[in-house]
Amino acid sequence: MLIVNVEGAIYKDGKLLLIERSLKEEHAGGTLSLVGGKVEKEGDSSDILERTLEREIFEEVGIKVKDLEYVNSSSFVTDTGLNVVDIVFLCKHESGEAFAKSPDEVDGVIWFSTDQIISHP
């Protein structure tokens, strides 16, 4: 089985939004990451990656985004051996204040500058 995951690099006022993943998460709990999640089966569909990302961002951190642009894709294997294709989009913040809306997935939200991201351990 292959999981398709989308993530958003959400940009606002010169900073990117990162989340601290909940310790309850089965993969990479407690680490910093972009906001996103798994694509669900929909049958015949269009713009499924973009709609999934918009939904996941709102569910996890309570904000809306716009101007989604494809950045890159990669693959990885989770701690439990699942194969994942990960697709990243650059997004602009549209509205709302980011907060840890989904405590099972997000412990905290942080707006970081590029320099802060690079220097973070």
PDB file of N, CA and C in Angstrom:
ATOM      1  N   MET A   1       0.842  -1.181   0.000  1.00  0.00           N
ATOM      2  CA  MET A   1       0.000   0.000   0.000  1.00  0.00           C
ATOM      3  C   MET A   1       0.885   1.241   0.000  1.00  0.00           C
ATOM      4  N   LEU A   2       0.457   2.252  -0.714  1.00  0.00           N
ATOM      5  CA  LEU A   2       1.171   3.512  -0.811  1.00  0.00           C
ATOM      6  C   LEU A   2       0.276   4.628  -0.280  1.00  0.00           C
ATOM      7  N   ILE A   3       0.807   5.418   0.636  1.00  0.00           N
ATOM      8  CA  ILE A   3       0.069   6.559   1.189  1.00  0.00           C
ATOM      9  C   ILE A   3       0.512   7.811   0.445  1.00  0.00           C
ATOM     10  N   VAL A   4      -0.436   8.656   0.068  1.00  0.00           N
ATOM     11  CA  VAL A   4      -0.136   9.947  -0.535  1.00  0.00           C
ATOM     12  C   VAL A   4      -0.398  11.007   0.530  1.00  0.00           C
ATOM     13  N   ASN A   5       0.621  11.815   0.806  1.00  0.00           N
ATOM     14  CA  ASN A   5       0.549  12.844   1.839  1.00  0.00           C
ATOM     15  C   ASN A   5       0.845  14.199   1.198  1.00  0.00           C
ATOM     16  N   VAL A   6       0.137  15.235   1.633  1.00  0.00           N
ATOM     17  CA  VAL A   6       0.405  16.594   1.160  1.00  0.00           C
ATOM     18  C   VAL A   6       0.775  17.472   2.351  1.00  0.00           C
ATOM     19  N   GLU A   7       1.672  18.421   2.101  1.00  0.00           N
ATOM     20  CA  GLU A   7       2.092  19.359   3.147  1.00  0.00           C
ATOM     21  C   GLU A   7       2.116  20.770   2.581  1.00  0.00           C
ATOM     22  N   GLY A   8       1.848  21.743   3.450  1.00  0.00           N
ATOM     23  CA  GLY A   8       1.854  23.138   3.041  1.00  0.00           C
ATOM     24  C   GLY A   8       2.931  23.929   3.742  1.00  0.00           C
ATOM     25  N   ALA A   9       3.768  24.582   2.946  1.00  0.00           N
ATOM     26  CA  ALA A   9       4.717  25.569   3.463  1.00  0.00           C
ATOM     27  C   ALA A   9       3.952  26.892   3.430  1.00  0.00           C
ATOM     28  N   ILE A  10       3.350  27.254   4.562  1.00  0.00           N
ATOM     29  CA  ILE A  10       2.435  28.390   4.633  1.00  0.00           C
ATOM     30  C   ILE A  10       3.224  29.653   4.960  1.00  0.00           C
ATOM     31  N   TYR A  11       3.110  30.639   4.069  1.00  0.00           N
ATOM     32  CA  TYR A  11       3.904  31.861   4.139  1.00  0.00           C
ATOM     33  C   TYR A  11       3.037  33.042   4.568  1.00  0.00           C
ATOM     34  N   LYS A  12       3.568  33.817   5.561  1.00  0.00           N
ATOM     35  CA  LYS A  12       2.868  35.025   6.017  1.00  0.00           C
ATOM     36  C   LYS A  12       3.892  35.980   6.627  1.00  0.00           C
ATOM     37  N   ASP A  13       3.917  37.210   6.153  1.00  0.00           N
ATOM     38  CA  ASP A  13       4.775  38.259   6.719  1.00  0.00           C
ATOM     39  C   ASP A  13       6.235  37.815   6.844  1.00  0.00           C
ATOM     40  N   GLY A  14       6.751  37.164   5.831  1.00  0.00           N
ATOM     41  CA  GLY A  14       8.161  36.768   5.828  1.00  0.00           C
ATOM     42  C   GLY A  14       8.484  35.540   6.667  1.00  0.00           C
ATOM     43  N   LYS A  15       7.470  34.838   7.151  1.00  0.00           N
ATOM     44  CA  LYS A  15       7.705  33.652   7.984  1.00  0.00           C
ATOM     45  C   LYS A  15       6.894  32.463   7.462  1.00  0.00           C
ATOM     46  N   LEU A  16       7.345  31.264   7.845  1.00  0.00           N
ATOM     47  CA  LEU A  16       6.657  30.025   7.498  1.00  0.00           C
ATOM     48  C   LEU A  16       6.086  29.394   8.759  1.00  0.00           C
ATOM     49  N   LEU A  17       4.913  28.789   8.629  1.00  0.00           N
ATOM     50  CA  LEU A  17       4.266  28.141   9.761  1.00  0.00           C
ATOM     51  C   LEU A  17       4.746  26.699   9.878  1.00  0.00           C
ATOM     52  N   LEU A  18       5.252  26.348  11.048  1.00  0.00           N
ATOM     53  CA  LEU A  18       5.602  24.969  11.358  1.00  0.00           C
ATOM     54  C   LEU A  18       4.763  24.536  12.547  1.00  0.00           C
ATOM     55  N   ILE A  19       4.508  23.240  12.617  1.00  0.00           N
ATOM     56  CA  ILE A  19       3.803  22.699  13.765  1.00  0.00           C
ATOM     57  C   ILE A  19       4.739  21.786  14.544  1.00  0.00           C
ATOM     58  N   GLU A  20       4.478  21.687  15.839  1.00  0.00           N
ATOM     59  CA  GLU A  20       5.108  20.650  16.647  1.00  0.00           C
ATOM     60  C   GLU A  20       4.115  19.497  16.635  1.00  0.00           C
ATOM     61  N   ARG A  21       4.546  18.390  16.024  1.00  0.00           N
ATOM     62  CA  ARG A  21       3.664  17.228  15.906  1.00  0.00           C
ATOM     63  C   ARG A  21       3.357  16.655  17.286  1.00  0.00           C
ATOM     64  N   SER A  22       2.118  16.245  17.486  1.00  0.00           N
ATOM     65  CA  SER A  22       1.702  15.679  18.757  1.00  0.00           C
ATOM     66  C   SER A  22       2.506  14.421  19.081  1.00  0.00           C
ATOM     67  N   LEU A  23       2.770  14.229  20.353  1.00  0.00           N
ATOM     68  CA  LEU A  23       3.442  13.001  20.787  1.00  0.00           C
ATOM     69  C   LEU A  23       2.544  11.784  20.567  1.00  0.00           C
ATOM     70  N   LYS A  24       1.245  12.016  20.319  1.00  0.00           N
ATOM     71  CA  LYS A  24       0.311  10.934  20.034  1.00  0.00           C
ATOM     72  C   LYS A  24       0.461  10.406  18.606  1.00  0.00           C
ATOM     73  N   GLU A  25       1.132  11.180  17.737  1.00  0.00           N
ATOM     74  CA  GLU A  25       1.287  10.775  16.334  1.00  0.00           C
ATOM     75  C   GLU A  25       2.150   9.529  16.239  1.00  0.00           C
ATOM     76  N   GLU A  26       1.756   8.606  15.371  1.00  0.00           N
ATOM     77  CA  GLU A  26       2.512   7.357  15.232  1.00  0.00           C
ATOM     78  C   GLU A  26       3.820   7.566  14.477  1.00  0.00           C
ATOM     79  N   HIS A  27       3.909   8.607  13.636  1.00  0.00           N
ATOM     80  CA  HIS A  27       5.156   8.894  12.910  1.00  0.00           C
ATOM     81  C   HIS A  27       5.686  10.269  13.296  1.00  0.00           C
ATOM     82  N   ALA A  28       6.919  10.323  13.746  1.00  0.00           N
ATOM     83  CA  ALA A  28       7.648  11.573  14.013  1.00  0.00           C
ATOM     84  C   ALA A  28       6.979  12.456  15.060  1.00  0.00           C
ATOM     85  N   GLY A  29       6.342  11.872  16.058  1.00  0.00           N
ATOM     86  CA  GLY A  29       5.744  12.647  17.133  1.00  0.00           C
ATOM     87  C   GLY A  29       6.774  13.499  17.848  1.00  0.00           C
ATOM     88  N   GLY A  30       6.398  14.735  18.185  1.00  0.00           N
ATOM     89  CA  GLY A  30       7.279  15.637  18.904  1.00  0.00           C
ATOM     90  C   GLY A  30       8.232  16.429  18.030  1.00  0.00           C
ATOM     91  N   THR A  31       8.238  16.186  16.725  1.00  0.00           N
ATOM     92  CA  THR A  31       9.140  16.912  15.831  1.00  0.00           C
ATOM     93  C   THR A  31       8.415  18.082  15.172  1.00  0.00           C
ATOM     94  N   LEU A  32       9.188  18.988  14.585  1.00  0.00           N
ATOM     95  CA  LEU A  32       8.612  20.098  13.833  1.00  0.00           C
ATOM     96  C   LEU A  32       8.357  19.642  12.398  1.00  0.00           C
ATOM     97  N   SER A  33       7.261  20.115  11.823  1.00  0.00           N
ATOM     98  CA  SER A  33       6.973  19.780  10.425  1.00  0.00           C
ATOM     99  C   SER A  33       6.060  20.830   9.821  1.00  0.00           C
ATOM    100  N   LEU A  34       5.860  20.706   8.520  1.00  0.00           N
ATOM    101  CA  LEU A  34       4.857  21.497   7.840  1.00  0.00           C
ATOM    102  C   LEU A  34       3.486  20.914   8.184  1.00  0.00           C
ATOM    103  N   VAL A  35       2.434  21.657   7.883  1.00  0.00           N
ATOM    104  CA  VAL A  35       1.072  21.193   8.136  1.00  0.00           C
ATOM    105  C   VAL A  35       0.607  20.362   6.940  1.00  0.00           C
ATOM    106  N   GLY A  36      -0.071  19.262   7.211  1.00  0.00           N
ATOM    107  CA  GLY A  36      -0.598  18.474   6.098  1.00  0.00           C
ATOM    108  C   GLY A  36      -1.205  17.181   6.559  1.00  0.00           C
ATOM    109  N   GLY A  37      -1.452  16.305   5.583  1.00  0.00           N
ATOM    110  CA  GLY A  37      -2.042  15.028   5.920  1.00  0.00           C
ATOM    111  C   GLY A  37      -2.270  14.155   4.710  1.00  0.00           C
ATOM    112  N   LYS A  38      -2.924  13.024   4.953  1.00  0.00           N
ATOM    113  CA  LYS A  38      -3.129  11.991   3.948  1.00  0.00           C
ATOM    114  C   LYS A  38      -4.296  12.307   3.016  1.00  0.00           C
ATOM    115  N   VAL A  39      -4.106  11.925   1.756  1.00  0.00           N
ATOM    116  CA  VAL A  39      -5.171  12.010   0.765  1.00  0.00           C
ATOM    117  C   VAL A  39      -6.105  10.827   0.980  1.00  0.00           C
ATOM    118  N   GLU A  40      -7.409  11.103   0.990  1.00  0.00           N
ATOM    119  CA  GLU A  40      -8.407  10.056   1.174  1.00  0.00           C
ATOM    120  C   GLU A  40      -8.981   9.648  -0.177  1.00  0.00           C
ATOM    121  N   LYS A  41      -9.457   8.411  -0.277  1.00  0.00           N
ATOM    122  CA  LYS A  41     -10.070   7.922  -1.509  1.00  0.00           C
ATOM    123  C   LYS A  41     -11.330   8.719  -1.806  1.00  0.00           C
ATOM    124  N   GLU A  42     -11.465   9.143  -3.058  1.00  0.00           N
ATOM    125  CA  GLU A  42     -12.653   9.905  -3.471  1.00  0.00           C
ATOM    126  C   GLU A  42     -13.261   9.385  -4.764  1.00  0.00           C
ATOM    127  N   GLY A  43     -12.678   8.379  -5.376  1.00  0.00           N
ATOM    128  CA  GLY A  43     -13.166   7.978  -6.692  1.00  0.00           C
ATOM    129  C   GLY A  43     -12.672   8.978  -7.721  1.00  0.00           C
ATOM    130  N   ASP A  44     -13.470   9.259  -8.731  1.00  0.00           N
ATOM    131  CA  ASP A  44     -13.082  10.242  -9.739  1.00  0.00           C
ATOM    132  C   ASP A  44     -13.122  11.631  -9.116  1.00  0.00           C
ATOM    133  N   SER A  45     -12.017  12.371  -9.254  1.00  0.00           N
ATOM    134  CA  SER A  45     -11.926  13.662  -8.577  1.00  0.00           C
ATOM    135  C   SER A  45     -10.906  14.547  -9.283  1.00  0.00           C
ATOM    136  N   SER A  46     -11.044  15.839  -9.124  1.00  0.00           N
ATOM    137  CA  SER A  46     -10.035  16.770  -9.631  1.00  0.00           C
ATOM    138  C   SER A  46      -9.546  17.639  -8.472  1.00  0.00           C
ATOM    139  N   ASP A  47      -8.326  18.130  -8.593  1.00  0.00           N
ATOM    140  CA  ASP A  47      -7.713  19.000  -7.581  1.00  0.00           C
ATOM    141  C   ASP A  47      -7.705  18.353  -6.197  1.00  0.00           C
ATOM    142  N   ILE A  48      -7.574  17.053  -6.147  1.00  0.00           N
ATOM    143  CA  ILE A  48      -7.640  16.323  -4.876  1.00  0.00           C
ATOM    144  C   ILE A  48      -6.492  16.699  -3.942  1.00  0.00           C
ATOM    145  N   LEU A  49      -5.301  16.942  -4.491  1.00  0.00           N
ATOM    146  CA  LEU A  49      -4.170  17.294  -3.631  1.00  0.00           C
ATOM    147  C   LEU A  49      -4.390  18.653  -2.973  1.00  0.00           C
ATOM    148  N   GLU A  50      -4.824  19.611  -3.755  1.00  0.00           N
ATOM    149  CA  GLU A  50      -5.052  20.955  -3.234  1.00  0.00           C
ATOM    150  C   GLU A  50      -6.200  20.981  -2.219  1.00  0.00           C
ATOM    151  N   ARG A  51      -7.300  20.309  -2.532  1.00  0.00           N
ATOM    152  CA  ARG A  51      -8.433  20.279  -1.610  1.00  0.00           C
ATOM    153  C   ARG A  51      -8.081  19.556  -0.320  1.00  0.00           C
ATOM    154  N   THR A  52      -7.309  18.468  -0.448  1.00  0.00           N
ATOM    155  CA  THR A  52      -6.870  17.755   0.751  1.00  0.00           C
ATOM    156  C   THR A  52      -6.027  18.662   1.625  1.00  0.00           C
ATOM    157  N   LEU A  53      -5.096  19.381   1.010  1.00  0.00           N
ATOM    158  CA  LEU A  53      -4.217  20.248   1.790  1.00  0.00           C
ATOM    159  C   LEU A  53      -5.006  21.361   2.473  1.00  0.00           C
ATOM    160  N   GLU A  54      -5.914  22.000   1.758  1.00  0.00           N
ATOM    161  CA  GLU A  54      -6.724  23.058   2.368  1.00  0.00           C
ATOM    162  C   GLU A  54      -7.526  22.508   3.549  1.00  0.00           C
ATOM    163  N   ARG A  55      -8.103  21.320   3.393  1.00  0.00           N
ATOM    164  CA  ARG A  55      -8.876  20.694   4.472  1.00  0.00           C
ATOM    165  C   ARG A  55      -8.002  20.380   5.669  1.00  0.00           C
ATOM    166  N   GLU A  56      -6.839  19.761   5.427  1.00  0.00           N
ATOM    167  CA  GLU A  56      -5.935  19.381   6.514  1.00  0.00           C
ATOM    168  C   GLU A  56      -5.423  20.605   7.281  1.00  0.00           C
ATOM    169  N   ILE A  57      -5.084  21.654   6.564  1.00  0.00           N
ATOM    170  CA  ILE A  57      -4.598  22.875   7.219  1.00  0.00           C
ATOM    171  C   ILE A  57      -5.683  23.446   8.124  1.00  0.00           C
ATOM    172  N   PHE A  58      -6.918  23.510   7.624  1.00  0.00           N
ATOM    173  CA  PHE A  58      -7.996  24.045   8.452  1.00  0.00           C
ATOM    174  C   PHE A  58      -8.275  23.143   9.654  1.00  0.00           C
ATOM    175  N   GLU A  59      -8.277  21.822   9.451  1.00  0.00           N
ATOM    176  CA  GLU A  59      -8.546  20.891  10.547  1.00  0.00           C
ATOM    177  C   GLU A  59      -7.464  20.932  11.623  1.00  0.00           C
ATOM    178  N   GLU A  60      -6.211  21.097  11.215  1.00  0.00           N
ATOM    179  CA  GLU A  60      -5.105  21.023  12.175  1.00  0.00           C
ATOM    180  C   GLU A  60      -4.771  22.349  12.840  1.00  0.00           C
ATOM    181  N   VAL A  61      -4.826  23.469  12.085  1.00  0.00           N
ATOM    182  CA  VAL A  61      -4.399  24.750  12.663  1.00  0.00           C
ATOM    183  C   VAL A  61      -5.404  25.888  12.476  1.00  0.00           C
ATOM    184  N   GLY A  62      -6.573  25.608  11.882  1.00  0.00           N
ATOM    185  CA  GLY A  62      -7.664  26.566  11.850  1.00  0.00           C
ATOM    186  C   GLY A  62      -7.510  27.769  10.951  1.00  0.00           C
ATOM    187  N   ILE A  63      -6.664  27.675   9.920  1.00  0.00           N
ATOM    188  CA  ILE A  63      -6.518  28.813   9.008  1.00  0.00           C
ATOM    189  C   ILE A  63      -6.878  28.408   7.582  1.00  0.00           C
ATOM    190  N   LYS A  64      -7.118  29.414   6.761  1.00  0.00           N
ATOM    191  CA  LYS A  64      -7.357  29.200   5.333  1.00  0.00           C
ATOM    192  C   LYS A  64      -6.145  29.708   4.567  1.00  0.00           C
ATOM    193  N   VAL A  65      -5.848  29.024   3.455  1.00  0.00           N
ATOM    194  CA  VAL A  65      -4.715  29.386   2.614  1.00  0.00           C
ATOM    195  C   VAL A  65      -5.180  29.622   1.190  1.00  0.00           C
ATOM    196  N   LYS A  66      -4.308  30.247   0.386  1.00  0.00           N
ATOM    197  CA  LYS A  66      -4.611  30.513  -1.020  1.00  0.00           C
ATOM    198  C   LYS A  66      -3.327  30.395  -1.830  1.00  0.00           C
ATOM    199  N   ASP A  67      -3.462  30.475  -3.144  1.00  0.00           N
ATOM    200  CA  ASP A  67      -2.322  30.499  -4.078  1.00  0.00           C
ATOM    201  C   ASP A  67      -1.374  29.325  -3.873  1.00  0.00           C
ATOM    202  N   LEU A  68      -1.911  28.113  -3.851  1.00  0.00           N
ATOM    203  CA  LEU A  68      -1.088  26.917  -3.674  1.00  0.00           C
ATOM    204  C   LEU A  68      -0.244  26.679  -4.917  1.00  0.00           C
ATOM    205  N   GLU A  69       1.062  26.484  -4.712  1.00  0.00           N
ATOM    206  CA  GLU A  69       2.000  26.220  -5.804  1.00  0.00           C
ATOM    207  C   GLU A  69       2.825  24.994  -5.461  1.00  0.00           C
ATOM    208  N   TYR A  70       2.897  24.063  -6.396  1.00  0.00           N
ATOM    209  CA  TYR A  70       3.699  22.852  -6.201  1.00  0.00           C
ATOM    210  C   TYR A  70       5.161  23.219  -5.981  1.00  0.00           C
ATOM    211  N   VAL A  71       5.810  22.582  -4.984  1.00  0.00           N
ATOM    212  CA  VAL A  71       7.229  22.805  -4.704  1.00  0.00           C
ATOM    213  C   VAL A  71       8.044  21.569  -5.078  1.00  0.00           C
ATOM    214  N   ASN A  72       7.740  20.435  -4.441  1.00  0.00           N
ATOM    215  CA  ASN A  72       8.474  19.203  -4.750  1.00  0.00           C
ATOM    216  C   ASN A  72       7.748  17.983  -4.202  1.00  0.00           C
ATOM    217  N   SER A  73       8.285  16.824  -4.558  1.00  0.00           N
ATOM    218  CA  SER A  73       7.751  15.578  -4.025  1.00  0.00           C
ATOM    219  C   SER A  73       8.915  14.690  -3.616  1.00  0.00           C
ATOM    220  N   SER A  74       8.642  13.823  -2.665  1.00  0.00           N
ATOM    221  CA  SER A  74       9.664  12.889  -2.186  1.00  0.00           C
ATOM    222  C   SER A  74       8.943  11.664  -1.650  1.00  0.00           C
ATOM    223  N   SER A  75       9.714  10.689  -1.215  1.00  0.00           N
ATOM    224  CA  SER A  75       9.116   9.511  -0.602  1.00  0.00           C
ATOM    225  C   SER A  75       9.886   9.161   0.653  1.00  0.00           C
ATOM    226  N   PHE A  76       9.205   8.477   1.570  1.00  0.00           N
ATOM    227  CA  PHE A  76       9.853   8.011   2.791  1.00  0.00           C
ATOM    228  C   PHE A  76       9.090   6.813   3.324  1.00  0.00           C
ATOM    229  N   VAL A  77       9.684   6.139   4.279  1.00  0.00           N
ATOM    230  CA  VAL A  77       9.058   5.012   4.945  1.00  0.00           C
ATOM    231  C   VAL A  77       8.845   5.396   6.402  1.00  0.00           C
ATOM    232  N   THR A  78       7.618   5.205   6.912  1.00  0.00           N
ATOM    233  CA  THR A  78       7.319   5.573   8.294  1.00  0.00           C
ATOM    234  C   THR A  78       7.988   4.614   9.267  1.00  0.00           C
ATOM    235  N   ASP A  79       7.927   4.972  10.544  1.00  0.00           N
ATOM    236  CA  ASP A  79       8.492   4.125  11.599  1.00  0.00           C
ATOM    237  C   ASP A  79       7.847   2.741  11.617  1.00  0.00           C
ATOM    238  N   THR A  80       6.614   2.641  11.103  1.00  0.00           N
ATOM    239  CA  THR A  80       5.908   1.355  11.090  1.00  0.00           C
ATOM    240  C   THR A  80       6.013   0.639   9.748  1.00  0.00           C
ATOM    241  N   GLY A  81       6.839   1.173   8.833  1.00  0.00           N
ATOM    242  CA  GLY A  81       7.097   0.503   7.562  1.00  0.00           C
ATOM    243  C   GLY A  81       6.163   0.853   6.421  1.00  0.00           C
ATOM    244  N   LEU A  82       5.341   1.880   6.558  1.00  0.00           N
ATOM    245  CA  LEU A  82       4.449   2.288   5.478  1.00  0.00           C
ATOM    246  C   LEU A  82       5.194   3.177   4.488  1.00  0.00           C
ATOM    247  N   ASN A  83       4.963   2.964   3.203  1.00  0.00           N
ATOM    248  CA  ASN A  83       5.584   3.774   2.150  1.00  0.00           C
ATOM    249  C   ASN A  83       4.718   4.987   1.857  1.00  0.00           C
ATOM    250  N   VAL A  84       5.336   6.172   1.864  1.00  0.00           N
ATOM    251  CA  VAL A  84       4.612   7.433   1.696  1.00  0.00           C
ATOM    252  C   VAL A  84       5.218   8.239   0.561  1.00  0.00           C
ATOM    253  N   VAL A  85       4.355   8.773  -0.302  1.00  0.00           N
ATOM    254  CA  VAL A  85       4.748   9.792  -1.269  1.00  0.00           C
ATOM    255  C   VAL A  85       4.294  11.118  -0.681  1.00  0.00           C
ATOM    256  N   ASP A  86       5.219  12.063  -0.546  1.00  0.00           N
ATOM    257  CA  ASP A  86       4.938  13.344   0.103  1.00  0.00           C
ATOM    258  C   ASP A  86       5.061  14.462  -0.919  1.00  0.00           C
ATOM    259  N   ILE A  87       4.020  15.297  -1.034  1.00  0.00           N
ATOM    260  CA  ILE A  87       3.985  16.391  -1.997  1.00  0.00           C
ATOM    261  C   ILE A  87       3.854  17.694  -1.221  1.00  0.00           C
ATOM    262  N   VAL A  88       4.762  18.628  -1.491  1.00  0.00           N
ATOM    263  CA  VAL A  88       4.790  19.904  -0.768  1.00  0.00           C
ATOM    264  C   VAL A  88       4.328  21.035  -1.684  1.00  0.00           C
ATOM    265  N   PHE A  89       3.475  21.896  -1.130  1.00  0.00           N
ATOM    266  CA  PHE A  89       3.000  23.096  -1.810  1.00  0.00           C
ATOM    267  C   PHE A  89       3.375  24.329  -0.997  1.00  0.00           C
ATOM    268  N   LEU A  90       3.729  25.400  -1.676  1.00  0.00           N
ATOM    269  CA  LEU A  90       3.877  26.708  -1.045  1.00  0.00           C
ATOM    270  C   LEU A  90       2.489  27.335  -1.035  1.00  0.00           C
ATOM    271  N   CYS A  91       2.080  27.888   0.107  1.00  0.00           N
ATOM    272  CA  CYS A  91       0.747  28.484   0.257  1.00  0.00           C
ATOM    273  C   CYS A  91       0.885  29.856   0.907  1.00  0.00           C
ATOM    274  N   LYS A  92       0.001  30.746   0.560  1.00  0.00           N
ATOM    275  CA  LYS A  92      -0.078  32.033   1.247  1.00  0.00           C
ATOM    276  C   LYS A  92      -1.196  31.965   2.276  1.00  0.00           C
ATOM    277  N   HIS A  93      -0.941  32.518   3.442  1.00  0.00           N
ATOM    278  CA  HIS A  93      -1.969  32.616   4.484  1.00  0.00           C
ATOM    279  C   HIS A  93      -3.072  33.528   3.969  1.00  0.00           C
ATOM    280  N   GLU A  94      -4.320  33.081   4.093  1.00  0.00           N
ATOM    281  CA  GLU A  94      -5.451  33.897   3.647  1.00  0.00           C
ATOM    282  C   GLU A  94      -6.201  34.509   4.825  1.00  0.00           C
ATOM    283  N   SER A  95      -6.548  33.656   5.818  1.00  0.00           N
ATOM    284  CA  SER A  95      -7.299  34.187   6.959  1.00  0.00           C
ATOM    285  C   SER A  95      -7.203  33.247   8.151  1.00  0.00           C
ATOM    286  N   GLY A  96      -7.484  33.808   9.321  1.00  0.00           N
ATOM    287  CA  GLY A  96      -7.490  33.044  10.557  1.00  0.00           C
ATOM    288  C   GLY A  96      -6.169  33.153  11.308  1.00  0.00           C
ATOM    289  N   GLU A  97      -6.244  32.840  12.602  1.00  0.00           N
ATOM    290  CA  GLU A  97      -5.058  32.808  13.456  1.00  0.00           C
ATOM    291  C   GLU A  97      -4.715  31.354  13.733  1.00  0.00           C
ATOM    292  N   ALA A  98      -3.494  30.971  13.422  1.00  0.00           N
ATOM    293  CA  ALA A  98      -3.083  29.576  13.590  1.00  0.00           C
ATOM    294  C   ALA A  98      -3.022  29.198  15.073  1.00  0.00           C
ATOM    295  N   PHE A  99      -3.571  28.020  15.383  1.00  0.00           N
ATOM    296  CA  PHE A  99      -3.488  27.475  16.732  1.00  0.00           C
ATOM    297  C   PHE A  99      -3.552  25.954  16.629  1.00  0.00           C
ATOM    298  N   ALA A 100      -3.203  25.275  17.698  1.00  0.00           N
ATOM    299  CA  ALA A 100      -3.218  23.808  17.715  1.00  0.00           C
ATOM    300  C   ALA A 100      -4.664  23.336  17.838  1.00  0.00           C
ATOM    301  N   LYS A 101      -5.380  23.313  16.737  1.00  0.00           N
ATOM    302  CA  LYS A 101      -6.805  22.995  16.707  1.00  0.00           C
ATOM    303  C   LYS A 101      -7.057  21.501  16.920  1.00  0.00           C
ATOM    304  N   SER A 102      -6.132  20.673  16.454  1.00  0.00           N
ATOM    305  CA  SER A 102      -6.303  19.224  16.549  1.00  0.00           C
ATOM    306  C   SER A 102      -5.247  18.654  17.499  1.00  0.00           C
ATOM    307  N   PRO A 103      -5.558  18.536  18.801  1.00  0.00           N
ATOM    308  CA  PRO A 103      -4.555  18.106  19.778  1.00  0.00           C
ATOM    309  C   PRO A 103      -4.023  16.690  19.569  1.00  0.00           C
ATOM    310  N   ASP A 104      -4.750  15.861  18.833  1.00  0.00           N
ATOM    311  CA  ASP A 104      -4.228  14.526  18.537  1.00  0.00           C
ATOM    312  C   ASP A 104      -3.134  14.577  17.483  1.00  0.00           C
ATOM    313  N   GLU A 105      -3.051  15.698  16.742  1.00  0.00           N
ATOM    314  CA  GLU A 105      -2.066  15.826  15.677  1.00  0.00           C
ATOM    315  C   GLU A 105      -1.051  16.946  15.914  1.00  0.00           C
ATOM    316  N   VAL A 106      -1.448  17.984  16.651  1.00  0.00           N
ATOM    317  CA  VAL A 106      -0.621  19.182  16.784  1.00  0.00           C
ATOM    318  C   VAL A 106      -0.510  19.592  18.247  1.00  0.00           C
ATOM    319  N   ASP A 107       0.731  19.732  18.733  1.00  0.00           N
ATOM    320  CA  ASP A 107       0.957  20.228  20.096  1.00  0.00           C
ATOM    321  C   ASP A 107       1.191  21.733  20.123  1.00  0.00           C
ATOM    322  N   GLY A 108       1.656  22.312  19.017  1.00  0.00           N
ATOM    323  CA  GLY A 108       1.916  23.745  18.988  1.00  0.00           C
ATOM    324  C   GLY A 108       2.162  24.244  17.581  1.00  0.00           C
ATOM    325  N   VAL A 109       2.043  25.562  17.401  1.00  0.00           N
ATOM    326  CA  VAL A 109       2.315  26.202  16.111  1.00  0.00           C
ATOM    327  C   VAL A 109       3.349  27.297  16.316  1.00  0.00           C
ATOM    328  N   ILE A 110       4.232  27.447  15.338  1.00  0.00           N
ATOM    329  CA  ILE A 110       5.309  28.432  15.433  1.00  0.00           C
ATOM    330  C   ILE A 110       5.536  29.051  14.058  1.00  0.00           C
ATOM    331  N   TRP A 111       5.564  30.376  13.992  1.00  0.00           N
ATOM    332  CA  TRP A 111       5.942  31.073  12.763  1.00  0.00           C
ATOM    333  C   TRP A 111       7.447  31.306  12.822  1.00  0.00           C
ATOM    334  N   PHE A 112       8.183  30.769  11.855  1.00  0.00           N
ATOM    335  CA  PHE A 112       9.642  30.854  11.807  1.00  0.00           C
ATOM    336  C   PHE A 112      10.105  31.611  10.568  1.00  0.00           C
ATOM    337  N   SER A 113      11.151  32.418  10.723  1.00  0.00           N
ATOM    338  CA  SER A 113      11.826  32.983   9.557  1.00  0.00           C
ATOM    339  C   SER A 113      12.697  31.887   8.948  1.00  0.00           C
ATOM    340  N   THR A 114      13.153  32.092   7.738  1.00  0.00           N
ATOM    341  CA  THR A 114      14.033  31.112   7.101  1.00  0.00           C
ATOM    342  C   THR A 114      15.285  30.899   7.938  1.00  0.00           C
ATOM    343  N   ASP A 115      15.880  31.959   8.460  1.00  0.00           N
ATOM    344  CA  ASP A 115      17.088  31.833   9.288  1.00  0.00           C
ATOM    345  C   ASP A 115      16.804  31.017  10.551  1.00  0.00           C
ATOM    346  N   GLN A 116      15.649  31.217  11.166  1.00  0.00           N
ATOM    347  CA  GLN A 116      15.287  30.451  12.355  1.00  0.00           C
ATOM    348  C   GLN A 116      15.133  28.971  12.037  1.00  0.00           C
ATOM    349  N   ILE A 117      14.559  28.666  10.875  1.00  0.00           N
ATOM    350  CA  ILE A 117      14.397  27.264  10.468  1.00  0.00           C
ATOM    351  C   ILE A 117      15.767  26.617  10.253  1.00  0.00           C
ATOM    352  N   ILE A 118      16.625  27.310   9.545  1.00  0.00           N
ATOM    353  CA  ILE A 118      17.968  26.766   9.246  1.00  0.00           C
ATOM    354  C   ILE A 118      18.779  26.553  10.519  1.00  0.00           C
ATOM    355  N   SER A 119      18.659  27.447  11.481  1.00  0.00           N
ATOM    356  CA  SER A 119      19.474  27.341  12.694  1.00  0.00           C
ATOM    357  C   SER A 119      18.838  26.485  13.780  1.00  0.00           C
ATOM    358  N   HIS A 120      17.595  26.037  13.578  1.00  0.00           N
ATOM    359  CA  HIS A 120      16.917  25.233  14.601  1.00  0.00           C
ATOM    360  C   HIS A 120      17.511  23.830  14.659  1.00  0.00           C
ATOM    361  N   PRO A 121      17.755  23.340  15.871  1.00  0.00           N
ATOM    362  CA  PRO A 121      18.372  22.001  15.976  1.00  0.00           C
ATOM    363  C   PRO A 121      17.456  20.901  15.485  1.00  0.00           C
TER     364      PRO A 121
END
